[in-house]
Amino acid sequence: MEIIKDTNRPVRRAALSAIATLALLVGFAPNATATATAKRTPTVNATLIEYKVKLKPATVSAPAGKVKLVAKNKGTMTHEVIVVRAADAAALPVDGEGSVIEDEVDEEKPKIESESHSGGDHKDHFSVKAGKTKSAVFDLTPGTYVVFCNVNQDVGNTKISHFKQGQNAVLTVK
């Protein structure tokens, strides 16, 4: 019996190994769509309590583009979340009660791209009931923004402006 030696065996083994490696690389390599989908929207967390907006961390900056604002209301009443492009809270126009005159800053309000709730709210701000959490995605350009509550609360014969009481914080977008 004559034994025939296969001299091409090492070449075939190397070729099969290369094909298997290539198949793994092609099958598992990230593509542009998967990478873009996996990219997360930056999130800014805000805690709302009577007369305060606390952003985490205290000095917040976010990259330009879509930014998700998550607002948790730890207060005892409904609060608004309004975002306006302004140098600081003192730069915003206020009425006699100390509330921001929203008609005068409409052009500086970024529109909500998407939100975690439906119905009843405007396309440039939202309300959060006591004990609840809501979020919205804003498309922000570089600059400074003020995040505030513009609720006027009736206490006896007096209206208390949450904004005037200091319910605002500054967000920097780079």
C-alpha atoms as a PDB file:
ATOM      1  CA  MET A   1       0.000   0.000   0.000  1.00  0.00           C
ATOM      2  CA  GLU A   2       1.357   3.305  -1.027  1.00  0.00           C
ATOM      3  CA  ILE A   3       0.857   6.371   1.197  1.00  0.00           C
ATOM      4  CA  ILE A   4       0.356   9.621  -0.627  1.00  0.00           C
ATOM      5  CA  LYS A   5       1.622  12.584   1.282  1.00  0.00           C
ATOM      6  CA  ASP A   6      -0.502  15.794   1.048  1.00  0.00           C
ATOM      7  CA  THR A   7       2.021  18.572   0.617  1.00  0.00           C
ATOM      8  CA  ASN A   8      -0.665  21.273   0.349  1.00  0.00           C
ATOM      9  CA  ARG A   9      -2.135  20.599   3.805  1.00  0.00           C
ATOM     10  CA  PRO A  10      -0.306  23.443   5.638  1.00  0.00           C
ATOM     11  CA  VAL A  11      -1.349  25.895   2.909  1.00  0.00           C
ATOM     12  CA  ARG A  12      -4.997  24.840   3.099  1.00  0.00           C
ATOM     13  CA  ARG A  13      -4.959  25.047   6.918  1.00  0.00           C
ATOM     14  CA  ALA A  14      -3.521  28.597   6.768  1.00  0.00           C
ATOM     15  CA  ALA A  15      -6.106  29.628   4.156  1.00  0.00           C
ATOM     16  CA  LEU A  16      -9.006  28.224   6.217  1.00  0.00           C
ATOM     17  CA  SER A  17      -7.669  29.954   9.318  1.00  0.00           C
ATOM     18  CA  ALA A  18      -7.443  33.280   7.454  1.00  0.00           C
ATOM     19  CA  ILE A  19     -10.993  32.893   6.094  1.00  0.00           C
ATOM     20  CA  ALA A  20     -12.348  32.073   9.567  1.00  0.00           C
ATOM     21  CA  THR A  21     -10.554  35.077  11.084  1.00  0.00           C
ATOM     22  CA  LEU A  22     -11.861  37.369   8.342  1.00  0.00           C
ATOM     23  CA  ALA A  23     -15.405  36.076   8.846  1.00  0.00           C
ATOM     24  CA  LEU A  24     -15.185  36.811  12.566  1.00  0.00           C
ATOM     25  CA  LEU A  25     -13.843  40.304  11.957  1.00  0.00           C
ATOM     26  CA  VAL A  26     -16.495  41.158   9.374  1.00  0.00           C
ATOM     27  CA  GLY A  27     -19.291  39.656  11.462  1.00  0.00           C
ATOM     28  CA  PHE A  28     -18.351  41.443  14.667  1.00  0.00           C
ATOM     29  CA  ALA A  29     -16.830  44.704  13.445  1.00  0.00           C
ATOM     30  CA  PRO A  30     -18.871  47.758  14.460  1.00  0.00           C
ATOM     31  CA  ASN A  31     -20.335  49.678  11.575  1.00  0.00           C
ATOM     32  CA  ALA A  32     -21.167  53.398  11.492  1.00  0.00           C
ATOM     33  CA  THR A  33     -24.867  52.809  12.137  1.00  0.00           C
ATOM     34  CA  ALA A  34     -24.286  50.629  15.190  1.00  0.00           C
ATOM     35  CA  THR A  35     -21.752  53.089  16.574  1.00  0.00           C
ATOM     36  CA  ALA A  36     -24.079  56.071  16.066  1.00  0.00           C
ATOM     37  CA  THR A  37     -26.992  54.209  17.626  1.00  0.00           C
ATOM     38  CA  ALA A  38     -24.902  53.252  20.632  1.00  0.00           C
ATOM     39  CA  LYS A  39     -23.880  56.875  21.224  1.00  0.00           C
ATOM     40  CA  ARG A  40     -25.765  58.091  24.269  1.00  0.00           C
ATOM     41  CA  THR A  41     -27.476  61.448  24.657  1.00  0.00           C
ATOM     42  CA  PRO A  42     -25.756  63.431  27.443  1.00  0.00           C
ATOM     43  CA  THR A  43     -27.991  63.760  30.509  1.00  0.00           C
ATOM     44  CA  VAL A  44     -28.362  66.624  32.967  1.00  0.00           C
ATOM     45  CA  ASN A  45     -30.183  65.769  36.206  1.00  0.00           C
ATOM     46  CA  ALA A  46     -32.247  68.433  37.959  1.00  0.00           C
ATOM     47  CA  THR A  47     -33.874  68.194  41.363  1.00  0.00           C
ATOM     48  CA  LEU A  48     -36.840  70.527  41.889  1.00  0.00           C
ATOM     49  CA  ILE A  49     -37.893  71.623  45.356  1.00  0.00           C
ATOM     50  CA  GLU A  50     -39.716  74.711  46.537  1.00  0.00           C
ATOM     51  CA  TYR A  51     -37.739  77.683  45.295  1.00  0.00           C
ATOM     52  CA  LYS A  52     -34.655  75.757  44.089  1.00  0.00           C
ATOM     53  CA  VAL A  53     -33.404  73.957  40.990  1.00  0.00           C
ATOM     54  CA  LYS A  54     -30.393  71.807  41.800  1.00  0.00           C
ATOM     55  CA  LEU A  55     -28.402  70.537  38.841  1.00  0.00           C
ATOM     56  CA  LYS A  56     -26.005  67.627  39.305  1.00  0.00           C
ATOM     57  CA  PRO A  57     -23.179  68.311  39.568  1.00  0.00           C
ATOM     58  CA  ALA A  58     -23.597  71.853  40.927  1.00  0.00           C
ATOM     59  CA  THR A  59     -21.647  73.383  38.021  1.00  0.00           C
ATOM     60  CA  VAL A  60     -23.033  71.706  34.960  1.00  0.00           C
ATOM     61  CA  SER A  61     -21.792  71.820  31.421  1.00  0.00           C
ATOM     62  CA  ALA A  62     -22.967  69.709  28.522  1.00  0.00           C
ATOM     63  CA  PRO A  63     -21.786  69.253  24.954  1.00  0.00           C
ATOM     64  CA  ALA A  64     -23.684  71.071  22.218  1.00  0.00           C
ATOM     65  CA  GLY A  65     -26.387  69.048  20.505  1.00  0.00           C
ATOM     66  CA  LYS A  66     -29.113  66.904  21.967  1.00  0.00           C
ATOM     67  CA  VAL A  67     -29.147  67.037  25.788  1.00  0.00           C
ATOM     68  CA  LYS A  68     -31.589  65.099  27.959  1.00  0.00           C
ATOM     69  CA  LEU A  69     -32.863  67.020  30.989  1.00  0.00           C
ATOM     70  CA  VAL A  70     -34.245  64.729  33.707  1.00  0.00           C
ATOM     71  CA  ALA A  71     -36.254  66.612  36.351  1.00  0.00           C
ATOM     72  CA  LYS A  72     -37.188  64.952  39.643  1.00  0.00           C
ATOM     73  CA  ASN A  73     -39.667  66.932  41.723  1.00  0.00           C
ATOM     74  CA  LYS A  74     -38.915  66.379  45.409  1.00  0.00           C
ATOM     75  CA  GLY A  75     -41.138  69.301  46.382  1.00  0.00           C
ATOM     76  CA  THR A  76     -44.730  69.358  47.553  1.00  0.00           C
ATOM     77  CA  MET A  77     -46.233  71.123  44.530  1.00  0.00           C
ATOM     78  CA  THR A  78     -46.059  71.072  40.727  1.00  0.00           C
ATOM     79  CA  HIS A  79     -43.061  72.859  39.222  1.00  0.00           C
ATOM     80  CA  GLU A  80     -42.214  73.890  35.658  1.00  0.00           C
ATOM     81  CA  VAL A  81     -38.982  73.239  33.815  1.00  0.00           C
ATOM     82  CA  ILE A  82     -38.159  76.041  31.402  1.00  0.00           C
ATOM     83  CA  VAL A  83     -34.836  76.383  29.583  1.00  0.00           C
ATOM     84  CA  VAL A  84     -33.867  79.797  28.175  1.00  0.00           C
ATOM     85  CA  ARG A  85     -30.632  80.966  26.602  1.00  0.00           C
ATOM     86  CA  ALA A  86     -29.369  83.804  28.857  1.00  0.00           C
ATOM     87  CA  ALA A  87     -26.172  84.844  30.645  1.00  0.00           C
ATOM     88  CA  ASP A  88     -27.810  84.286  34.039  1.00  0.00           C
ATOM     89  CA  ALA A  89     -31.146  84.637  35.851  1.00  0.00           C
ATOM     90  CA  ALA A  90     -30.646  88.390  36.361  1.00  0.00           C
ATOM     91  CA  ALA A  91     -30.546  88.854  32.564  1.00  0.00           C
ATOM     92  CA  LEU A  92     -34.141  87.630  32.143  1.00  0.00           C
ATOM     93  CA  PRO A  93     -37.007  90.178  31.945  1.00  0.00           C
ATOM     94  CA  VAL A  94     -39.442  89.979  34.882  1.00  0.00           C
ATOM     95  CA  ASP A  95     -42.865  91.389  35.631  1.00  0.00           C
ATOM     96  CA  GLY A  96     -44.026  93.187  38.809  1.00  0.00           C
ATOM     97  CA  GLU A  97     -44.419  89.883  40.668  1.00  0.00           C
ATOM     98  CA  GLY A  98     -40.920  88.735  39.772  1.00  0.00           C
ATOM     99  CA  SER A  99     -41.878  86.103  37.188  1.00  0.00           C
ATOM    100  CA  VAL A 100     -40.073  85.852  33.860  1.00  0.00           C
ATOM    101  CA  ILE A 101     -42.005  87.494  31.018  1.00  0.00           C
ATOM    102  CA  GLU A 102     -41.966  84.452  28.756  1.00  0.00           C
ATOM    103  CA  ASP A 103     -43.258  86.269  25.665  1.00  0.00           C
ATOM    104  CA  GLU A 104     -40.069  88.337  25.693  1.00  0.00           C
ATOM    105  CA  VAL A 105     -37.786  85.277  25.747  1.00  0.00           C
ATOM    106  CA  ASP A 106     -39.672  82.929  23.380  1.00  0.00           C
ATOM    107  CA  GLU A 107     -36.957  83.147  20.723  1.00  0.00           C
ATOM    108  CA  GLU A 108     -34.356  82.063  23.289  1.00  0.00           C
ATOM    109  CA  LYS A 109     -36.247  78.912  24.323  1.00  0.00           C
ATOM    110  CA  PRO A 110     -34.972  75.734  22.679  1.00  0.00           C
ATOM    111  CA  LYS A 111     -37.758  73.408  21.571  1.00  0.00           C
ATOM    112  CA  ILE A 112     -38.248  69.985  23.109  1.00  0.00           C
ATOM    113  CA  GLU A 113     -37.088  67.276  20.677  1.00  0.00           C
ATOM    114  CA  SER A 114     -38.646  64.367  22.592  1.00  0.00           C
ATOM    115  CA  GLU A 115     -40.139  63.855  26.000  1.00  0.00           C
ATOM    116  CA  SER A 116     -40.938  61.147  28.532  1.00  0.00           C
ATOM    117  CA  HIS A 117     -44.562  62.199  28.900  1.00  0.00           C
ATOM    118  CA  SER A 118     -47.441  63.055  26.644  1.00  0.00           C
ATOM    119  CA  GLY A 119     -50.114  65.673  26.381  1.00  0.00           C
ATOM    120  CA  GLY A 120     -50.887  68.948  28.085  1.00  0.00           C
ATOM    121  CA  ASP A 121     -47.461  70.523  28.036  1.00  0.00           C
ATOM    122  CA  HIS A 122     -45.901  73.033  25.703  1.00  0.00           C
ATOM    123  CA  LYS A 123     -43.158  72.329  23.182  1.00  0.00           C
ATOM    124  CA  ASP A 124     -40.622  74.507  24.985  1.00  0.00           C
ATOM    125  CA  HIS A 125     -41.161  73.585  28.658  1.00  0.00           C
ATOM    126  CA  PHE A 126     -42.858  70.987  30.836  1.00  0.00           C
ATOM    127  CA  SER A 127     -44.434  70.564  34.277  1.00  0.00           C
ATOM    128  CA  VAL A 128     -43.545  67.972  36.890  1.00  0.00           C
ATOM    129  CA  LYS A 129     -46.028  67.032  39.627  1.00  0.00           C
ATOM    130  CA  ALA A 130     -44.832  66.572  43.199  1.00  0.00           C
ATOM    131  CA  GLY A 131     -43.041  63.253  43.660  1.00  0.00           C
ATOM    132  CA  LYS A 132     -42.768  62.605  39.908  1.00  0.00           C
ATOM    133  CA  THR A 133     -39.906  62.563  37.410  1.00  0.00           C
ATOM    134  CA  LYS A 134     -40.081  63.679  33.785  1.00  0.00           C
ATOM    135  CA  SER A 135     -37.504  64.204  31.092  1.00  0.00           C
ATOM    136  CA  ALA A 136     -37.158  65.954  27.766  1.00  0.00           C
ATOM    137  CA  VAL A 137     -34.474  66.182  25.104  1.00  0.00           C
ATOM    138  CA  PHE A 138     -33.470  69.657  23.935  1.00  0.00           C
ATOM    139  CA  ASP A 139     -31.206  70.493  20.992  1.00  0.00           C
ATOM    140  CA  LEU A 140     -28.836  73.060  22.519  1.00  0.00           C
ATOM    141  CA  THR A 141     -26.252  75.235  20.782  1.00  0.00           C
ATOM    142  CA  PRO A 142     -23.132  76.434  22.619  1.00  0.00           C
ATOM    143  CA  GLY A 143     -23.851  79.123  25.216  1.00  0.00           C
ATOM    144  CA  THR A 144     -25.276  79.693  28.678  1.00  0.00           C
ATOM    145  CA  TYR A 145     -28.814  78.693  29.612  1.00  0.00           C
ATOM    146  CA  VAL A 146     -30.992  79.296  32.649  1.00  0.00           C
ATOM    147  CA  VAL A 147     -33.162  76.384  33.844  1.00  0.00           C
ATOM    148  CA  PHE A 148     -36.027  77.684  35.977  1.00  0.00           C
ATOM    149  CA  CYS A 149     -39.552  77.349  37.341  1.00  0.00           C
ATOM    150  CA  ASN A 150     -41.935  80.186  36.513  1.00  0.00           C
ATOM    151  CA  VAL A 151     -44.898  79.076  38.655  1.00  0.00           C
ATOM    152  CA  ASN A 152     -46.786  81.774  40.554  1.00  0.00           C
ATOM    153  CA  GLN A 153     -48.195  80.369  43.771  1.00  0.00           C
ATOM    154  CA  ASP A 154     -51.200  81.989  45.485  1.00  0.00           C
ATOM    155  CA  VAL A 155     -50.652  82.341  49.235  1.00  0.00           C
ATOM    156  CA  GLY A 156     -53.534  84.259  50.763  1.00  0.00           C
ATOM    157  CA  ASN A 157     -53.745  87.530  48.861  1.00  0.00           C
ATOM    158  CA  THR A 158     -50.159  87.293  47.662  1.00  0.00           C
ATOM    159  CA  LYS A 159     -48.623  85.646  44.624  1.00  0.00           C
ATOM    160  CA  ILE A 160     -45.225  84.071  45.198  1.00  0.00           C
ATOM    161  CA  SER A 161     -43.024  83.768  42.124  1.00  0.00           C
ATOM    162  CA  HIS A 162     -40.899  80.626  42.255  1.00  0.00           C
ATOM    163  CA  PHE A 163     -38.391  82.314  39.912  1.00  0.00           C
ATOM    164  CA  LYS A 164     -38.135  85.404  42.153  1.00  0.00           C
ATOM    165  CA  GLN A 165     -37.584  83.121  45.146  1.00  0.00           C
ATOM    166  CA  GLY A 166     -34.517  81.685  43.370  1.00  0.00           C
ATOM    167  CA  GLN A 167     -35.817  78.557  41.647  1.00  0.00           C
ATOM    168  CA  ASN A 168     -33.254  78.628  38.826  1.00  0.00           C
ATOM    169  CA  ALA A 169     -29.830  77.293  37.866  1.00  0.00           C
ATOM    170  CA  VAL A 170     -27.292  77.915  35.090  1.00  0.00           C
ATOM    171  CA  LEU A 171     -26.335  75.313  32.465  1.00  0.00           C
ATOM    172  CA  THR A 172     -23.330  75.865  30.212  1.00  0.00           C
ATOM    173  CA  VAL A 173     -23.275  74.225  26.778  1.00  0.00           C
ATOM    174  CA  LYS A 174     -19.907  73.913  25.053  1.00  0.00           C
END
